[in-house]
């Protein structure tokens, strides 16, 4: 099954990969969904990335 849409943390928005995904991405990037994903990026992803990065550096 093809991927339709994904939140891309590098660009900070939803990106569509199909015609339907592009339409949804445009709508989601204008709505509260974007704020929710950006909040999760700050709350969960960056925090855990820092922890894992430190662990990896300690082992090298």
PDB file of N, CA and C in Angstrom:
ATOM      1  N   UNK A   1       0.840  -1.175   0.000  1.00  0.00           N
ATOM      2  CA  UNK A   1       0.000   0.000   0.000  1.00  0.00           C
ATOM      3  C   UNK A   1       0.889   1.244   0.000  1.00  0.00           C
ATOM      4  N   UNK A   2       0.549   2.197  -0.828  1.00  0.00           N
ATOM      5  CA  UNK A   2       1.343   3.415  -0.981  1.00  0.00           C
ATOM      6  C   UNK A   2       1.114   4.368   0.189  1.00  0.00           C
ATOM      7  N   UNK A   3       2.150   5.070   0.550  1.00  0.00           N
ATOM      8  CA  UNK A   3       2.051   6.078   1.604  1.00  0.00           C
ATOM      9  C   UNK A   3       1.386   7.324   1.025  1.00  0.00           C
ATOM     10  N   UNK A   4       0.371   7.829   1.695  1.00  0.00           N
ATOM     11  CA  UNK A   4      -0.367   8.997   1.222  1.00  0.00           C
ATOM     12  C   UNK A   4       0.174  10.305   1.773  1.00  0.00           C
ATOM     13  N   UNK A   5       0.449  10.294   3.073  1.00  0.00           N
ATOM     14  CA  UNK A   5       0.819  11.532   3.757  1.00  0.00           C
ATOM     15  C   UNK A   5       1.719  11.205   4.944  1.00  0.00           C
ATOM     16  N   UNK A   6       2.570  12.156   5.295  1.00  0.00           N
ATOM     17  CA  UNK A   6       3.477  11.964   6.434  1.00  0.00           C
ATOM     18  C   UNK A   6       3.799  13.334   7.021  1.00  0.00           C
ATOM     19  N   UNK A   7       4.001  13.365   8.341  1.00  0.00           N
ATOM     20  CA  UNK A   7       4.510  14.586   8.956  1.00  0.00           C
ATOM     21  C   UNK A   7       6.017  14.557   8.810  1.00  0.00           C
ATOM     22  N   UNK A   8       6.578  15.578   8.176  1.00  0.00           N
ATOM     23  CA  UNK A   8       8.015  15.671   7.961  1.00  0.00           C
ATOM     24  C   UNK A   8       8.569  16.677   8.962  1.00  0.00           C
ATOM     25  N   UNK A   9       9.282  16.189   9.962  1.00  0.00           N
ATOM     26  CA  UNK A   9       9.785  17.074  11.013  1.00  0.00           C
ATOM     27  C   UNK A   9      10.896  17.986  10.510  1.00  0.00           C
ATOM     28  N   UNK A  10      11.559  17.619   9.439  1.00  0.00           N
ATOM     29  CA  UNK A  10      12.611  18.466   8.888  1.00  0.00           C
ATOM     30  C   UNK A  10      12.034  19.759   8.329  1.00  0.00           C
ATOM     31  N   UNK A  11      10.921  19.660   7.628  1.00  0.00           N
ATOM     32  CA  UNK A  11      10.288  20.856   7.061  1.00  0.00           C
ATOM     33  C   UNK A  11       9.196  21.405   7.969  1.00  0.00           C
ATOM     34  N   UNK A  12       8.807  20.648   8.991  1.00  0.00           N
ATOM     35  CA  UNK A  12       7.834  21.107   9.968  1.00  0.00           C
ATOM     36  C   UNK A  12       6.405  21.174   9.479  1.00  0.00           C
ATOM     37  N   UNK A  13       6.058  20.265   8.568  1.00  0.00           N
ATOM     38  CA  UNK A  13       4.680  20.239   8.079  1.00  0.00           C
ATOM     39  C   UNK A  13       4.361  18.873   7.497  1.00  0.00           C
ATOM     40  N   UNK A  14       3.068  18.667   7.197  1.00  0.00           N
ATOM     41  CA  UNK A  14       2.640  17.439   6.546  1.00  0.00           C
ATOM     42  C   UNK A  14       2.986  17.511   5.066  1.00  0.00           C
ATOM     43  N   UNK A  15       3.407  16.385   4.510  1.00  0.00           N
ATOM     44  CA  UNK A  15       3.755  16.296   3.092  1.00  0.00           C
ATOM     45  C   UNK A  15       2.943  15.168   2.485  1.00  0.00           C
ATOM     46  N   UNK A  16       2.294  15.441   1.359  1.00  0.00           N
ATOM     47  CA  UNK A  16       1.503  14.433   0.666  1.00  0.00           C
ATOM     48  C   UNK A  16       2.300  13.775  -0.438  1.00  0.00           C
ATOM     49  N   UNK A  17       2.053  12.482  -0.653  1.00  0.00           N
ATOM     50  CA  UNK A  17       2.769  11.714  -1.671  1.00  0.00           C
ATOM     51  C   UNK A  17       1.857  11.205  -2.776  1.00  0.00           C
ATOM     52  N   UNK A  18       0.563  11.387  -2.605  1.00  0.00           N
ATOM     53  CA  UNK A  18      -0.421  11.033  -3.628  1.00  0.00           C
ATOM     54  C   UNK A  18      -1.327  12.246  -3.808  1.00  0.00           C
ATOM     55  N   UNK A  19      -2.192  12.193  -4.796  1.00  0.00           N
ATOM     56  CA  UNK A  19      -3.105  13.317  -5.017  1.00  0.00           C
ATOM     57  C   UNK A  19      -3.956  13.578  -3.770  1.00  0.00           C
ATOM     58  N   UNK A  20      -4.502  12.515  -3.198  1.00  0.00           N
ATOM     59  CA  UNK A  20      -5.292  12.653  -1.976  1.00  0.00           C
ATOM     60  C   UNK A  20      -4.424  13.138  -0.817  1.00  0.00           C
ATOM     61  N   UNK A  21      -3.213  12.604  -0.714  1.00  0.00           N
ATOM     62  CA  UNK A  21      -2.308  13.007   0.355  1.00  0.00           C
ATOM     63  C   UNK A  21      -1.930  14.475   0.281  1.00  0.00           C
ATOM     64  N   UNK A  22      -1.723  14.981  -0.926  1.00  0.00           N
ATOM     65  CA  UNK A  22      -1.384  16.398  -1.104  1.00  0.00           C
ATOM     66  C   UNK A  22      -2.554  17.272  -0.654  1.00  0.00           C
ATOM     67  N   UNK A  23      -3.772  16.893  -1.032  1.00  0.00           N
ATOM     68  CA  UNK A  23      -4.958  17.658  -0.617  1.00  0.00           C
ATOM     69  C   UNK A  23      -5.100  17.655   0.903  1.00  0.00           C
ATOM     70  N   UNK A  24      -4.924  16.486   1.512  1.00  0.00           N
ATOM     71  CA  UNK A  24      -5.017  16.400   2.973  1.00  0.00           C
ATOM     72  C   UNK A  24      -3.901  17.193   3.645  1.00  0.00           C
ATOM     73  N   UNK A  25      -2.696  17.117   3.106  1.00  0.00           N
ATOM     74  CA  UNK A  25      -1.567  17.848   3.684  1.00  0.00           C
ATOM     75  C   UNK A  25      -1.838  19.346   3.670  1.00  0.00           C
ATOM     76  N   UNK A  26      -2.378  19.839   2.571  1.00  0.00           N
ATOM     77  CA  UNK A  26      -2.689  21.267   2.491  1.00  0.00           C
ATOM     78  C   UNK A  26      -3.694  21.665   3.566  1.00  0.00           C
ATOM     79  N   UNK A  27      -4.716  20.844   3.756  1.00  0.00           N
ATOM     80  CA  UNK A  27      -5.735  21.136   4.774  1.00  0.00           C
ATOM     81  C   UNK A  27      -5.156  21.009   6.179  1.00  0.00           C
ATOM     82  N   UNK A  28      -4.409  19.948   6.444  1.00  0.00           N
ATOM     83  CA  UNK A  28      -3.865  19.713   7.783  1.00  0.00           C
ATOM     84  C   UNK A  28      -2.828  20.764   8.162  1.00  0.00           C
ATOM     85  N   UNK A  29      -2.080  21.267   7.182  1.00  0.00           N
ATOM     86  CA  UNK A  29      -1.071  22.289   7.473  1.00  0.00           C
ATOM     87  C   UNK A  29      -1.709  23.628   7.843  1.00  0.00           C
ATOM     88  N   UNK A  30      -2.999  23.798   7.558  1.00  0.00           N
ATOM     89  CA  UNK A  30      -3.710  25.026   7.908  1.00  0.00           C
ATOM     90  C   UNK A  30      -4.537  24.869   9.179  1.00  0.00           C
ATOM     91  N   UNK A  31      -4.660  23.664   9.686  1.00  0.00           N
ATOM     92  CA  UNK A  31      -5.539  23.401  10.821  1.00  0.00           C
ATOM     93  C   UNK A  31      -4.787  23.088  12.100  1.00  0.00           C
ATOM     94  N   UNK A  32      -5.523  22.667  13.122  1.00  0.00           N
ATOM     95  CA  UNK A  32      -4.927  22.373  14.428  1.00  0.00           C
ATOM     96  C   UNK A  32      -4.039  21.122  14.416  1.00  0.00           C
ATOM     97  N   UNK A  33      -4.148  20.301  13.384  1.00  0.00           N
ATOM     98  CA  UNK A  33      -3.323  19.087  13.311  1.00  0.00           C
ATOM     99  C   UNK A  33      -1.839  19.431  13.284  1.00  0.00           C
ATOM    100  N   UNK A  34      -1.482  20.503  12.582  1.00  0.00           N
ATOM    101  CA  UNK A  34      -0.076  20.896  12.488  1.00  0.00           C
ATOM    102  C   UNK A  34       0.461  21.292  13.859  1.00  0.00           C
ATOM    103  N   UNK A  35      -0.290  22.085  14.599  1.00  0.00           N
ATOM    104  CA  UNK A  35       0.145  22.496  15.938  1.00  0.00           C
ATOM    105  C   UNK A  35       0.324  21.281  16.840  1.00  0.00           C
ATOM    106  N   UNK A  36      -0.559  20.298  16.702  1.00  0.00           N
ATOM    107  CA  UNK A  36      -0.442  19.080  17.501  1.00  0.00           C
ATOM    108  C   UNK A  36       0.822  18.306  17.190  1.00  0.00           C
ATOM    109  N   UNK A  37       1.135  18.174  15.917  1.00  0.00           N
ATOM    110  CA  UNK A  37       2.349  17.441  15.536  1.00  0.00           C
ATOM    111  C   UNK A  37       3.604  18.196  15.957  1.00  0.00           C
ATOM    112  N   UNK A  38       3.598  19.518  15.822  1.00  0.00           N
ATOM    113  CA  UNK A  38       4.762  20.294  16.250  1.00  0.00           C
ATOM    114  C   UNK A  38       4.955  20.189  17.760  1.00  0.00           C
ATOM    115  N   UNK A  39       3.856  20.135  18.503  1.00  0.00           N
ATOM    116  CA  UNK A  39       3.943  19.941  19.950  1.00  0.00           C
ATOM    117  C   UNK A  39       4.532  18.589  20.301  1.00  0.00           C
ATOM    118  N   UNK A  40       4.112  17.549  19.588  1.00  0.00           N
ATOM    119  CA  UNK A  40       4.658  16.209  19.819  1.00  0.00           C
ATOM    120  C   UNK A  40       6.137  16.154  19.455  1.00  0.00           C
ATOM    121  N   UNK A  41       6.520  16.867  18.413  1.00  0.00           N
ATOM    122  CA  UNK A  41       7.927  16.918  18.016  1.00  0.00           C
ATOM    123  C   UNK A  41       8.771  17.466  19.160  1.00  0.00           C
ATOM    124  N   UNK A  42       8.315  18.555  19.756  1.00  0.00           N
ATOM    125  CA  UNK A  42       9.043  19.161  20.875  1.00  0.00           C
ATOM    126  C   UNK A  42       8.984  18.289  22.125  1.00  0.00           C
ATOM    127  N   UNK A  43       7.796  17.775  22.447  1.00  0.00           N
ATOM    128  CA  UNK A  43       7.589  17.036  23.690  1.00  0.00           C
ATOM    129  C   UNK A  43       8.247  15.669  23.677  1.00  0.00           C
ATOM    130  N   UNK A  44       8.114  14.946  22.600  1.00  0.00           N
ATOM    131  CA  UNK A  44       8.528  13.547  22.573  1.00  0.00           C
ATOM    132  C   UNK A  44       9.801  13.324  21.761  1.00  0.00           C
ATOM    133  N   UNK A  45       9.793  13.742  20.527  1.00  0.00           N
ATOM    134  CA  UNK A  45      10.883  13.385  19.607  1.00  0.00           C
ATOM    135  C   UNK A  45      12.215  14.011  20.001  1.00  0.00           C
ATOM    136  N   UNK A  46      12.232  15.314  20.188  1.00  0.00           N
ATOM    137  CA  UNK A  46      13.503  15.977  20.483  1.00  0.00           C
ATOM    138  C   UNK A  46      14.057  15.541  21.829  1.00  0.00           C
ATOM    139  N   UNK A  47      13.179  15.355  22.806  1.00  0.00           N
ATOM    140  CA  UNK A  47      13.615  14.891  24.130  1.00  0.00           C
ATOM    141  C   UNK A  47      14.273  13.516  24.015  1.00  0.00           C
ATOM    142  N   UNK A  48      13.616  12.586  23.342  1.00  0.00           N
ATOM    143  CA  UNK A  48      14.157  11.236  23.209  1.00  0.00           C
ATOM    144  C   UNK A  48      15.385  11.199  22.314  1.00  0.00           C
ATOM    145  N   UNK A  49      15.425  12.038  21.303  1.00  0.00           N
ATOM    146  CA  UNK A  49      16.606  12.084  20.440  1.00  0.00           C
ATOM    147  C   UNK A  49      17.829  12.497  21.251  1.00  0.00           C
ATOM    148  N   UNK A  50      17.664  13.485  22.122  1.00  0.00           N
ATOM    149  CA  UNK A  50      18.780  13.914  22.972  1.00  0.00           C
ATOM    150  C   UNK A  50      19.257  12.782  23.876  1.00  0.00           C
ATOM    151  N   UNK A  51      18.323  12.023  24.448  1.00  0.00           N
ATOM    152  CA  UNK A  51      18.692  10.906  25.321  1.00  0.00           C
ATOM    153  C   UNK A  51      19.450   9.829  24.557  1.00  0.00           C
ATOM    154  N   UNK A  52      18.934   9.457  23.397  1.00  0.00           N
ATOM    155  CA  UNK A  52      19.576   8.405  22.604  1.00  0.00           C
ATOM    156  C   UNK A  52      20.922   8.867  22.058  1.00  0.00           C
ATOM    157  N   UNK A  53      21.008  10.116  21.665  1.00  0.00           N
ATOM    158  CA  UNK A  53      22.257  10.654  21.139  1.00  0.00           C
ATOM    159  C   UNK A  53      23.341  10.609  22.211  1.00  0.00           C
ATOM    160  N   UNK A  54      22.981  10.987  23.439  1.00  0.00           N
ATOM    161  CA  UNK A  54      23.945  10.942  24.543  1.00  0.00           C
ATOM    162  C   UNK A  54      24.404   9.516  24.814  1.00  0.00           C
ATOM    163  N   UNK A  55      23.488   8.567  24.770  1.00  0.00           N
ATOM    164  CA  UNK A  55      23.827   7.162  24.998  1.00  0.00           C
ATOM    165  C   UNK A  55      24.793   6.661  23.940  1.00  0.00           C
ATOM    166  N   UNK A  56      24.549   7.017  22.704  1.00  0.00           N
ATOM    167  CA  UNK A  56      25.422   6.590  21.604  1.00  0.00           C
ATOM    168  C   UNK A  56      26.804   7.202  21.764  1.00  0.00           C
ATOM    169  N   UNK A  57      26.868   8.479  22.102  1.00  0.00           N
ATOM    170  CA  UNK A  57      28.166   9.131  22.264  1.00  0.00           C
ATOM    171  C   UNK A  57      28.952   8.533  23.416  1.00  0.00           C
ATOM    172  N   UNK A  58      28.259   8.129  24.484  1.00  0.00           N
ATOM    173  CA  UNK A  58      28.938   7.526  25.627  1.00  0.00           C
ATOM    174  C   UNK A  58      29.599   6.203  25.263  1.00  0.00           C
ATOM    175  N   UNK A  59      29.082   5.514  24.248  1.00  0.00           N
ATOM    176  CA  UNK A  59      29.611   4.205  23.865  1.00  0.00           C
ATOM    177  C   UNK A  59      30.691   4.292  22.798  1.00  0.00           C
ATOM    178  N   UNK A  60      30.946   5.480  22.282  1.00  0.00           N
ATOM    179  CA  UNK A  60      31.968   5.604  21.233  1.00  0.00           C
ATOM    180  C   UNK A  60      33.246   6.158  21.780  1.00  0.00           C
TER     181      UNK A  60
END
